[in-house]
């Protein structure tokens, strides 16, 4: 039996220098599909379509593979900044072992 894993994409906001508690935005069992989801976040942000309905503008600050040295489970980070408010939004893709808390369909 192969090594089972899940790729969680978490999101958190930094307001006035304080990071909020991260929430899971997506849980995907395929690394390829999880990377595709991160690409989608990047593309839609660049086109102004990710934060639908917002009157503010957002720009990609960074998009890095393996963003934390020595932590191979951190696969990719996308940092987005609101131009008007300076609020940062982080999307981080993390590889985790698949355990019994995940129920496959």
PDB file of N, CA and C in Angstrom:
ATOM      1  N   UNK A   1       0.845  -1.168   0.000  1.00  0.00           N
ATOM      2  CA  UNK A   1       0.000   0.000   0.000  1.00  0.00           C
ATOM      3  C   UNK A   1       0.895   1.238   0.000  1.00  0.00           C
ATOM      4  N   UNK A   2       0.578   2.205  -0.838  1.00  0.00           N
ATOM      5  CA  UNK A   2       1.379   3.417  -0.964  1.00  0.00           C
ATOM      6  C   UNK A   2       1.149   4.390   0.178  1.00  0.00           C
ATOM      7  N   UNK A   3       2.043   5.332   0.252  1.00  0.00           N
ATOM      8  CA  UNK A   3       1.947   6.405   1.251  1.00  0.00           C
ATOM      9  C   UNK A   3       0.763   7.296   0.899  1.00  0.00           C
ATOM     10  N   UNK A   4      -0.196   7.399   1.798  1.00  0.00           N
ATOM     11  CA  UNK A   4      -1.365   8.235   1.541  1.00  0.00           C
ATOM     12  C   UNK A   4      -1.156   9.599   2.163  1.00  0.00           C
ATOM     13  N   UNK A   5      -1.558  10.633   1.421  1.00  0.00           N
ATOM     14  CA  UNK A   5      -1.356  11.992   1.888  1.00  0.00           C
ATOM     15  C   UNK A   5      -2.463  12.898   1.380  1.00  0.00           C
ATOM     16  N   UNK A   6      -2.557  14.041   2.014  1.00  0.00           N
ATOM     17  CA  UNK A   6      -3.521  15.051   1.607  1.00  0.00           C
ATOM     18  C   UNK A   6      -2.772  16.379   1.550  1.00  0.00           C
ATOM     19  N   UNK A   7      -3.208  17.236   0.639  1.00  0.00           N
ATOM     20  CA  UNK A   7      -2.612  18.566   0.507  1.00  0.00           C
ATOM     21  C   UNK A   7      -3.663  19.578   0.958  1.00  0.00           C
ATOM     22  N   UNK A   8      -3.403  20.191   2.104  1.00  0.00           N
ATOM     23  CA  UNK A   8      -4.299  21.210   2.629  1.00  0.00           C
ATOM     24  C   UNK A   8      -3.800  22.578   2.173  1.00  0.00           C
ATOM     25  N   UNK A   9      -4.710  23.382   1.670  1.00  0.00           N
ATOM     26  CA  UNK A   9      -4.401  24.773   1.363  1.00  0.00           C
ATOM     27  C   UNK A   9      -5.079  25.587   2.449  1.00  0.00           C
ATOM     28  N   UNK A  10      -4.239  26.218   3.270  1.00  0.00           N
ATOM     29  CA  UNK A  10      -4.761  27.009   4.375  1.00  0.00           C
ATOM     30  C   UNK A  10      -4.682  28.487   4.006  1.00  0.00           C
ATOM     31  N   UNK A  11      -5.486  29.287   4.662  1.00  0.00           N
ATOM     32  CA  UNK A  11      -5.469  30.724   4.427  1.00  0.00           C
ATOM     33  C   UNK A  11      -5.513  31.459   5.756  1.00  0.00           C
ATOM     34  N   UNK A  12      -4.824  32.586   5.789  1.00  0.00           N
ATOM     35  CA  UNK A  12      -4.800  33.424   6.977  1.00  0.00           C
ATOM     36  C   UNK A  12      -4.597  34.867   6.542  1.00  0.00           C
ATOM     37  N   UNK A  13      -5.084  35.795   7.367  1.00  0.00           N
ATOM     38  CA  UNK A  13      -4.923  37.223   7.082  1.00  0.00           C
ATOM     39  C   UNK A  13      -4.018  37.865   8.120  1.00  0.00           C
ATOM     40  N   UNK A  14      -3.230  38.849   7.661  1.00  0.00           N
ATOM     41  CA  UNK A  14      -2.402  39.655   8.549  1.00  0.00           C
ATOM     42  C   UNK A  14      -2.943  41.075   8.514  1.00  0.00           C
ATOM     43  N   UNK A  15      -3.500  41.510   9.644  1.00  0.00           N
ATOM     44  CA  UNK A  15      -4.067  42.851   9.767  1.00  0.00           C
ATOM     45  C   UNK A  15      -3.293  43.587  10.861  1.00  0.00           C
ATOM     46  N   UNK A  16      -2.761  44.741  10.525  1.00  0.00           N
ATOM     47  CA  UNK A  16      -1.974  45.544  11.469  1.00  0.00           C
ATOM     48  C   UNK A  16      -0.836  44.740  12.102  1.00  0.00           C
ATOM     49  N   UNK A  17      -0.180  43.904  11.280  1.00  0.00           N
ATOM     50  CA  UNK A  17       0.974  43.138  11.742  1.00  0.00           C
ATOM     51  C   UNK A  17       0.656  41.884  12.532  1.00  0.00           C
ATOM     52  N   UNK A  18      -0.613  41.555  12.702  1.00  0.00           N
ATOM     53  CA  UNK A  18      -1.005  40.375  13.474  1.00  0.00           C
ATOM     54  C   UNK A  18      -1.660  39.341  12.567  1.00  0.00           C
ATOM     55  N   UNK A  19      -1.083  38.122  12.535  1.00  0.00           N
ATOM     56  CA  UNK A  19      -1.658  37.044  11.741  1.00  0.00           C
ATOM     57  C   UNK A  19      -2.816  36.403  12.490  1.00  0.00           C
ATOM     58  N   UNK A  20      -3.898  36.172  11.782  1.00  0.00           N
ATOM     59  CA  UNK A  20      -5.044  35.478  12.353  1.00  0.00           C
ATOM     60  C   UNK A  20      -4.829  33.974  12.317  1.00  0.00           C
ATOM     61  N   UNK A  21      -5.731  33.253  12.925  1.00  0.00           N
ATOM     62  CA  UNK A  21      -5.682  31.793  12.923  1.00  0.00           C
ATOM     63  C   UNK A  21      -5.988  31.304  11.511  1.00  0.00           C
ATOM     64  N   UNK A  22      -5.200  30.356  11.046  1.00  0.00           N
ATOM     65  CA  UNK A  22      -5.377  29.830   9.691  1.00  0.00           C
ATOM     66  C   UNK A  22      -6.588  28.907   9.625  1.00  0.00           C
ATOM     67  N   UNK A  23      -7.275  28.966   8.499  1.00  0.00           N
ATOM     68  CA  UNK A  23      -8.401  28.079   8.211  1.00  0.00           C
ATOM     69  C   UNK A  23      -8.052  27.245   6.989  1.00  0.00           C
ATOM     70  N   UNK A  24      -8.589  26.036   6.926  1.00  0.00           N
ATOM     71  CA  UNK A  24      -8.400  25.209   5.736  1.00  0.00           C
ATOM     72  C   UNK A  24      -9.368  25.680   4.669  1.00  0.00           C
ATOM     73  N   UNK A  25      -8.820  26.076   3.524  1.00  0.00           N
ATOM     74  CA  UNK A  25      -9.643  26.504   2.396  1.00  0.00           C
ATOM     75  C   UNK A  25      -9.965  25.321   1.489  1.00  0.00           C
ATOM     76  N   UNK A  26      -8.987  24.426   1.293  1.00  0.00           N
ATOM     77  CA  UNK A  26      -9.153  23.264   0.409  1.00  0.00           C
ATOM     78  C   UNK A  26      -8.370  22.094   0.983  1.00  0.00           C
ATOM     79  N   UNK A  27      -8.894  20.886   0.830  1.00  0.00           N
ATOM     80  CA  UNK A  27      -8.172  19.645   1.116  1.00  0.00           C
ATOM     81  C   UNK A  27      -8.261  18.781  -0.130  1.00  0.00           C
ATOM     82  N   UNK A  28      -7.097  18.481  -0.708  1.00  0.00           N
ATOM     83  CA  UNK A  28      -7.045  17.795  -2.001  1.00  0.00           C
ATOM     84  C   UNK A  28      -6.042  16.649  -1.886  1.00  0.00           C
ATOM     85  N   UNK A  29      -6.392  15.468  -2.365  1.00  0.00           N
ATOM     86  CA  UNK A  29      -5.509  14.311  -2.220  1.00  0.00           C
ATOM     87  C   UNK A  29      -4.505  14.162  -3.362  1.00  0.00           C
ATOM     88  N   UNK A  30      -4.617  14.953  -4.404  1.00  0.00           N
ATOM     89  CA  UNK A  30      -3.679  14.911  -5.519  1.00  0.00           C
ATOM     90  C   UNK A  30      -2.780  16.151  -5.487  1.00  0.00           C
ATOM     91  N   UNK A  31      -1.456  15.930  -5.480  1.00  0.00           N
ATOM     92  CA  UNK A  31      -0.526  17.064  -5.482  1.00  0.00           C
ATOM     93  C   UNK A  31      -0.703  17.903  -6.743  1.00  0.00           C
ATOM     94  N   UNK A  32      -0.891  17.245  -7.864  1.00  0.00           N
ATOM     95  CA  UNK A  32      -1.073  17.959  -9.138  1.00  0.00           C
ATOM     96  C   UNK A  32      -2.308  18.868  -9.090  1.00  0.00           C
ATOM     97  N   UNK A  33      -3.413  18.343  -8.576  1.00  0.00           N
ATOM     98  CA  UNK A  33      -4.644  19.145  -8.495  1.00  0.00           C
ATOM     99  C   UNK A  33      -4.519  20.271  -7.472  1.00  0.00           C
ATOM    100  N   UNK A  34      -3.804  20.028  -6.381  1.00  0.00           N
ATOM    101  CA  UNK A  34      -3.604  21.075  -5.376  1.00  0.00           C
ATOM    102  C   UNK A  34      -2.739  22.201  -5.947  1.00  0.00           C
ATOM    103  N   UNK A  35      -1.697  21.847  -6.693  1.00  0.00           N
ATOM    104  CA  UNK A  35      -0.878  22.875  -7.346  1.00  0.00           C
ATOM    105  C   UNK A  35      -1.696  23.634  -8.390  1.00  0.00           C
ATOM    106  N   UNK A  36      -2.582  22.935  -9.088  1.00  0.00           N
ATOM    107  CA  UNK A  36      -3.467  23.586 -10.064  1.00  0.00           C
ATOM    108  C   UNK A  36      -4.383  24.581  -9.350  1.00  0.00           C
ATOM    109  N   UNK A  37      -4.875  24.223  -8.166  1.00  0.00           N
ATOM    110  CA  UNK A  37      -5.721  25.139  -7.396  1.00  0.00           C
ATOM    111  C   UNK A  37      -4.929  26.389  -6.994  1.00  0.00           C
ATOM    112  N   UNK A  38      -3.684  26.203  -6.585  1.00  0.00           N
ATOM    113  CA  UNK A  38      -2.837  27.355  -6.244  1.00  0.00           C
ATOM    114  C   UNK A  38      -2.606  28.227  -7.482  1.00  0.00           C
ATOM    115  N   UNK A  39      -2.387  27.601  -8.649  1.00  0.00           N
ATOM    116  CA  UNK A  39      -2.248  28.359  -9.900  1.00  0.00           C
ATOM    117  C   UNK A  39      -3.512  29.168 -10.183  1.00  0.00           C
ATOM    118  N   UNK A  40      -4.662  28.569  -9.908  1.00  0.00           N
ATOM    119  CA  UNK A  40      -5.951  29.252 -10.123  1.00  0.00           C
ATOM    120  C   UNK A  40      -6.065  30.475  -9.216  1.00  0.00           C
ATOM    121  N   UNK A  41      -5.681  30.340  -7.954  1.00  0.00           N
ATOM    122  CA  UNK A  41      -5.702  31.477  -7.031  1.00  0.00           C
ATOM    123  C   UNK A  41      -4.819  32.597  -7.586  1.00  0.00           C
ATOM    124  N   UNK A  42      -3.638  32.246  -8.058  1.00  0.00           N
ATOM    125  CA  UNK A  42      -2.716  33.236  -8.619  1.00  0.00           C
ATOM    126  C   UNK A  42      -3.319  33.922  -9.841  1.00  0.00           C
ATOM    127  N   UNK A  43      -3.808  33.134 -10.795  1.00  0.00           N
ATOM    128  CA  UNK A  43      -4.371  33.690 -12.040  1.00  0.00           C
ATOM    129  C   UNK A  43      -5.564  34.608 -11.772  1.00  0.00           C
ATOM    130  N   UNK A  44      -6.493  34.149 -10.960  1.00  0.00           N
ATOM    131  CA  UNK A  44      -7.690  34.939 -10.694  1.00  0.00           C
ATOM    132  C   UNK A  44      -7.369  36.217  -9.911  1.00  0.00           C
ATOM    133  N   UNK A  45      -6.385  36.158  -9.028  1.00  0.00           N
ATOM    134  CA  UNK A  45      -5.971  37.370  -8.321  1.00  0.00           C
ATOM    135  C   UNK A  45      -5.384  38.370  -9.303  1.00  0.00           C
ATOM    136  N   UNK A  46      -4.510  37.897 -10.199  1.00  0.00           N
ATOM    137  CA  UNK A  46      -3.906  38.789 -11.187  1.00  0.00           C
ATOM    138  C   UNK A  46      -4.948  39.419 -12.108  1.00  0.00           C
ATOM    139  N   UNK A  47      -6.035  38.698 -12.392  1.00  0.00           N
ATOM    140  CA  UNK A  47      -7.101  39.226 -13.260  1.00  0.00           C
ATOM    141  C   UNK A  47      -8.153  40.018 -12.489  1.00  0.00           C
ATOM    142  N   UNK A  48      -8.001  40.103 -11.165  1.00  0.00           N
ATOM    143  CA  UNK A  48      -8.962  40.844 -10.350  1.00  0.00           C
ATOM    144  C   UNK A  48     -10.258  40.096 -10.115  1.00  0.00           C
ATOM    145  N   UNK A  49     -10.225  38.768 -10.219  1.00  0.00           N
ATOM    146  CA  UNK A  49     -11.446  37.970 -10.107  1.00  0.00           C
ATOM    147  C   UNK A  49     -11.492  37.059  -8.878  1.00  0.00           C
ATOM    148  N   UNK A  50     -10.438  37.015  -8.057  1.00  0.00           N
ATOM    149  CA  UNK A  50     -10.430  36.084  -6.923  1.00  0.00           C
ATOM    150  C   UNK A  50     -11.312  36.601  -5.793  1.00  0.00           C
ATOM    151  N   UNK A  51     -11.213  37.888  -5.457  1.00  0.00           N
ATOM    152  CA  UNK A  51     -12.015  38.474  -4.396  1.00  0.00           C
ATOM    153  C   UNK A  51     -13.228  39.143  -5.044  1.00  0.00           C
ATOM    154  N   UNK A  52     -14.158  38.338  -5.506  1.00  0.00           N
ATOM    155  CA  UNK A  52     -15.322  38.815  -6.251  1.00  0.00           C
ATOM    156  C   UNK A  52     -16.181  39.710  -5.357  1.00  0.00           C
ATOM    157  N   UNK A  53     -16.610  40.839  -5.913  1.00  0.00           N
ATOM    158  CA  UNK A  53     -17.482  41.747  -5.188  1.00  0.00           C
ATOM    159  C   UNK A  53     -16.751  42.781  -4.348  1.00  0.00           C
ATOM    160  N   UNK A  54     -15.435  42.662  -4.235  1.00  0.00           N
ATOM    161  CA  UNK A  54     -14.671  43.636  -3.462  1.00  0.00           C
ATOM    162  C   UNK A  54     -14.359  44.852  -4.321  1.00  0.00           C
ATOM    163  N   UNK A  55     -14.473  46.028  -3.720  1.00  0.00           N
ATOM    164  CA  UNK A  55     -14.118  47.240  -4.460  1.00  0.00           C
ATOM    165  C   UNK A  55     -12.620  47.507  -4.385  1.00  0.00           C
ATOM    166  N   UNK A  56     -11.893  46.725  -3.580  1.00  0.00           N
ATOM    167  CA  UNK A  56     -10.457  46.907  -3.419  1.00  0.00           C
ATOM    168  C   UNK A  56      -9.695  46.127  -4.484  1.00  0.00           C
ATOM    169  N   UNK A  57      -8.415  46.439  -4.589  1.00  0.00           N
ATOM    170  CA  UNK A  57      -7.534  45.797  -5.564  1.00  0.00           C
ATOM    171  C   UNK A  57      -6.477  44.977  -4.823  1.00  0.00           C
ATOM    172  N   UNK A  58      -6.142  43.844  -5.390  1.00  0.00           N
ATOM    173  CA  UNK A  58      -5.199  42.932  -4.764  1.00  0.00           C
ATOM    174  C   UNK A  58      -4.070  42.622  -5.734  1.00  0.00           C
ATOM    175  N   UNK A  59      -2.860  42.409  -5.178  1.00  0.00           N
ATOM    176  CA  UNK A  59      -1.723  42.054  -6.011  1.00  0.00           C
ATOM    177  C   UNK A  59      -0.934  40.931  -5.345  1.00  0.00           C
ATOM    178  N   UNK A  60      -0.317  40.108  -6.176  1.00  0.00           N
ATOM    179  CA  UNK A  60       0.522  39.024  -5.677  1.00  0.00           C
ATOM    180  C   UNK A  60       1.820  39.622  -5.155  1.00  0.00           C
ATOM    181  N   UNK A  61       2.144  39.350  -3.902  1.00  0.00           N
ATOM    182  CA  UNK A  61       3.410  39.802  -3.317  1.00  0.00           C
ATOM    183  C   UNK A  61       4.505  38.772  -3.528  1.00  0.00           C
ATOM    184  N   UNK A  62       4.140  37.484  -3.400  1.00  0.00           N
ATOM    185  CA  UNK A  62       5.112  36.414  -3.638  1.00  0.00           C
ATOM    186  C   UNK A  62       4.369  35.138  -3.972  1.00  0.00           C
ATOM    187  N   UNK A  63       5.038  34.287  -4.697  1.00  0.00           N
ATOM    188  CA  UNK A  63       4.533  32.958  -5.048  1.00  0.00           C
ATOM    189  C   UNK A  63       5.757  32.057  -5.048  1.00  0.00           C
ATOM    190  N   UNK A  64       5.915  31.277  -3.980  1.00  0.00           N
ATOM    191  CA  UNK A  64       7.138  30.499  -3.785  1.00  0.00           C
ATOM    192  C   UNK A  64       6.848  29.016  -3.593  1.00  0.00           C
ATOM    193  N   UNK A  65       7.687  28.194  -4.225  1.00  0.00           N
ATOM    194  CA  UNK A  65       7.692  26.759  -3.951  1.00  0.00           C
ATOM    195  C   UNK A  65       8.633  26.511  -2.782  1.00  0.00           C
ATOM    196  N   UNK A  66       8.301  25.555  -1.931  1.00  0.00           N
ATOM    197  CA  UNK A  66       9.095  25.211  -0.746  1.00  0.00           C
ATOM    198  C   UNK A  66       9.532  26.466   0.002  1.00  0.00           C
ATOM    199  N   UNK A  67       8.567  27.233   0.533  1.00  0.00           N
ATOM    200  CA  UNK A  67       8.856  28.553   1.094  1.00  0.00           C
ATOM    201  C   UNK A  67       9.597  28.564   2.428  1.00  0.00           C
ATOM    202  N   UNK A  68       9.562  27.466   3.180  1.00  0.00           N
ATOM    203  CA  UNK A  68      10.178  27.454   4.503  1.00  0.00           C
ATOM    204  C   UNK A  68      11.316  26.440   4.497  1.00  0.00           C
ATOM    205  N   UNK A  69      12.547  26.937   4.583  1.00  0.00           N
ATOM    206  CA  UNK A  69      13.710  26.043   4.592  1.00  0.00           C
ATOM    207  C   UNK A  69      13.608  25.024   5.710  1.00  0.00           C
ATOM    208  N   UNK A  70      13.918  23.792   5.393  1.00  0.00           N
ATOM    209  CA  UNK A  70      13.902  22.732   6.391  1.00  0.00           C
ATOM    210  C   UNK A  70      12.526  22.174   6.681  1.00  0.00           C
ATOM    211  N   UNK A  71      11.507  22.642   5.989  1.00  0.00           N
ATOM    212  CA  UNK A  71      10.150  22.149   6.191  1.00  0.00           C
ATOM    213  C   UNK A  71       9.591  21.642   4.856  1.00  0.00           C
ATOM    214  N   UNK A  72       9.957  20.430   4.451  1.00  0.00           N
ATOM    215  CA  UNK A  72       9.531  19.943   3.132  1.00  0.00           C
ATOM    216  C   UNK A  72       8.023  19.785   2.990  1.00  0.00           C
ATOM    217  N   UNK A  73       7.287  19.722   4.088  1.00  0.00           N
ATOM    218  CA  UNK A  73       5.830  19.578   3.967  1.00  0.00           C
ATOM    219  C   UNK A  73       5.154  20.872   3.543  1.00  0.00           C
ATOM    220  N   UNK A  74       5.847  22.023   3.671  1.00  0.00           N
ATOM    221  CA  UNK A  74       5.319  23.284   3.156  1.00  0.00           C
ATOM    222  C   UNK A  74       5.659  23.345   1.677  1.00  0.00           C
ATOM    223  N   UNK A  75       4.663  23.135   0.824  1.00  0.00           N
ATOM    224  CA  UNK A  75       4.897  22.970  -0.612  1.00  0.00           C
ATOM    225  C   UNK A  75       4.941  24.312  -1.347  1.00  0.00           C
ATOM    226  N   UNK A  76       3.995  25.211  -1.050  1.00  0.00           N
ATOM    227  CA  UNK A  76       3.919  26.463  -1.812  1.00  0.00           C
ATOM    228  C   UNK A  76       3.184  27.530  -1.009  1.00  0.00           C
ATOM    229  N   UNK A  77       3.653  28.759  -1.125  1.00  0.00           N
ATOM    230  CA  UNK A  77       2.998  29.925  -0.523  1.00  0.00           C
ATOM    231  C   UNK A  77       2.626  30.919  -1.606  1.00  0.00           C
ATOM    232  N   UNK A  78       1.444  31.500  -1.480  1.00  0.00           N
ATOM    233  CA  UNK A  78       1.063  32.664  -2.275  1.00  0.00           C
ATOM    234  C   UNK A  78       0.648  33.744  -1.276  1.00  0.00           C
ATOM    235  N   UNK A  79       1.343  34.879  -1.338  1.00  0.00           N
ATOM    236  CA  UNK A  79       1.029  36.012  -0.478  1.00  0.00           C
ATOM    237  C   UNK A  79       0.381  37.091  -1.348  1.00  0.00           C
ATOM    238  N   UNK A  80      -0.801  37.528  -0.929  1.00  0.00           N
ATOM    239  CA  UNK A  80      -1.576  38.531  -1.663  1.00  0.00           C
ATOM    240  C   UNK A  80      -1.736  39.745  -0.758  1.00  0.00           C
ATOM    241  N   UNK A  81      -1.621  40.939  -1.339  1.00  0.00           N
ATOM    242  CA  UNK A  81      -1.758  42.176  -0.571  1.00  0.00           C
ATOM    243  C   UNK A  81      -2.879  43.027  -1.132  1.00  0.00           C
ATOM    244  N   UNK A  82      -3.715  43.552  -0.235  1.00  0.00           N
ATOM    245  CA  UNK A  82      -4.735  44.521  -0.631  1.00  0.00           C
ATOM    246  C   UNK A  82      -4.036  45.866  -0.804  1.00  0.00           C
ATOM    247  N   UNK A  83      -4.128  46.419  -2.013  1.00  0.00           N
ATOM    248  CA  UNK A  83      -3.438  47.675  -2.331  1.00  0.00           C
ATOM    249  C   UNK A  83      -3.919  48.815  -1.435  1.00  0.00           C
ATOM    250  N   UNK A  84      -5.208  48.908  -1.207  1.00  0.00           N
ATOM    251  CA  UNK A  84      -5.776  50.031  -0.453  1.00  0.00           C
ATOM    252  C   UNK A  84      -5.558  49.935   1.061  1.00  0.00           C
ATOM    253  N   UNK A  85      -5.640  48.731   1.627  1.00  0.00           N
ATOM    254  CA  UNK A  85      -5.588  48.595   3.088  1.00  0.00           C
ATOM    255  C   UNK A  85      -4.270  48.042   3.618  1.00  0.00           C
ATOM    256  N   UNK A  86      -3.494  47.380   2.760  1.00  0.00           N
ATOM    257  CA  UNK A  86      -2.245  46.757   3.199  1.00  0.00           C
ATOM    258  C   UNK A  86      -2.433  45.402   3.847  1.00  0.00           C
ATOM    259  N   UNK A  87      -3.671  44.930   3.966  1.00  0.00           N
ATOM    260  CA  UNK A  87      -3.930  43.615   4.556  1.00  0.00           C
ATOM    261  C   UNK A  87      -3.297  42.538   3.678  1.00  0.00           C
ATOM    262  N   UNK A  88      -2.599  41.601   4.339  1.00  0.00           N
ATOM    263  CA  UNK A  88      -1.989  40.476   3.628  1.00  0.00           C
ATOM    264  C   UNK A  88      -2.861  39.246   3.782  1.00  0.00           C
ATOM    265  N   UNK A  89      -2.925  38.447   2.719  1.00  0.00           N
ATOM    266  CA  UNK A  89      -3.646  37.174   2.737  1.00  0.00           C
ATOM    267  C   UNK A  89      -2.663  36.104   2.266  1.00  0.00           C
ATOM    268  N   UNK A  90      -2.468  35.088   3.085  1.00  0.00           N
ATOM    269  CA  UNK A  90      -1.555  33.998   2.768  1.00  0.00           C
ATOM    270  C   UNK A  90      -2.354  32.754   2.412  1.00  0.00           C
ATOM    271  N   UNK A  91      -1.994  32.133   1.300  1.00  0.00           N
ATOM    272  CA  UNK A  91      -2.469  30.788   0.968  1.00  0.00           C
ATOM    273  C   UNK A  91      -1.244  29.898   1.018  1.00  0.00           C
ATOM    274  N   UNK A  92      -1.257  28.885   1.883  1.00  0.00           N
ATOM    275  CA  UNK A  92      -0.120  27.971   2.045  1.00  0.00           C
ATOM    276  C   UNK A  92      -0.586  26.544   1.789  1.00  0.00           C
ATOM    277  N   UNK A  93       0.118  25.878   0.907  1.00  0.00           N
ATOM    278  CA  UNK A  93      -0.164  24.470   0.585  1.00  0.00           C
ATOM    279  C   UNK A  93       0.758  23.602   1.431  1.00  0.00           C
ATOM    280  N   UNK A  94       0.156  22.720   2.225  1.00  0.00           N
ATOM    281  CA  UNK A  94       0.895  21.873   3.159  1.00  0.00           C
ATOM    282  C   UNK A  94       0.572  20.408   2.877  1.00  0.00           C
ATOM    283  N   UNK A  95       1.620  19.591   2.804  1.00  0.00           N
ATOM    284  CA  UNK A  95       1.426  18.143   2.644  1.00  0.00           C
ATOM    285  C   UNK A  95       1.316  17.509   4.024  1.00  0.00           C
ATOM    286  N   UNK A  96       0.281  16.689   4.210  1.00  0.00           N
ATOM    287  CA  UNK A  96       0.061  16.007   5.480  1.00  0.00           C
ATOM    288  C   UNK A  96      -0.275  14.547   5.232  1.00  0.00           C
ATOM    289  N   UNK A  97       0.046  13.683   6.187  1.00  0.00           N
ATOM    290  CA  UNK A  97      -0.356  12.284   6.026  1.00  0.00           C
ATOM    291  C   UNK A  97      -1.872  12.168   6.083  1.00  0.00           C
ATOM    292  N   UNK A  98      -2.401  11.289   5.280  1.00  0.00           N
ATOM    293  CA  UNK A  98      -3.842  11.042   5.277  1.00  0.00           C
ATOM    294  C   UNK A  98      -4.147  10.094   6.431  1.00  0.00           C
ATOM    295  N   UNK A  99      -5.000  10.545   7.348  1.00  0.00           N
ATOM    296  CA  UNK A  99      -5.338   9.682   8.476  1.00  0.00           C
ATOM    297  C   UNK A  99      -6.839   9.485   8.548  1.00  0.00           C
ATOM    298  N   UNK A 100      -7.298   8.910   9.593  1.00  0.00           N
ATOM    299  CA  UNK A 100      -8.705   8.529   9.686  1.00  0.00           C
ATOM    300  C   UNK A 100      -9.651   9.704   9.837  1.00  0.00           C
ATOM    301  N   UNK A 101      -9.156  10.954   9.985  1.00  0.00           N
ATOM    302  CA  UNK A 101     -10.079  12.077  10.067  1.00  0.00           C
ATOM    303  C   UNK A 101     -10.608  12.468   8.693  1.00  0.00           C
ATOM    304  N   UNK A 102      -9.966  11.967   7.634  1.00  0.00           N
ATOM    305  CA  UNK A 102     -10.413  12.234   6.282  1.00  0.00           C
ATOM    306  C   UNK A 102     -11.190  11.027   5.780  1.00  0.00           C
ATOM    307  N   UNK A 103     -12.375  11.243   5.287  1.00  0.00           N
ATOM    308  CA  UNK A 103     -13.214  10.149   4.802  1.00  0.00           C
ATOM    309  C   UNK A 103     -13.323  10.272   3.289  1.00  0.00           C
ATOM    310  N   UNK A 104     -12.838   9.251   2.588  1.00  0.00           N
ATOM    311  CA  UNK A 104     -12.896   9.289   1.119  1.00  0.00           C
ATOM    312  C   UNK A 104     -14.271   8.850   0.645  1.00  0.00           C
ATOM    313  N   UNK A 105     -14.667   9.377  -0.491  1.00  0.00           N
ATOM    314  CA  UNK A 105     -15.966   9.010  -1.065  1.00  0.00           C
ATOM    315  C   UNK A 105     -15.778   7.948  -2.117  1.00  0.00           C
TER     316      UNK A 105
END
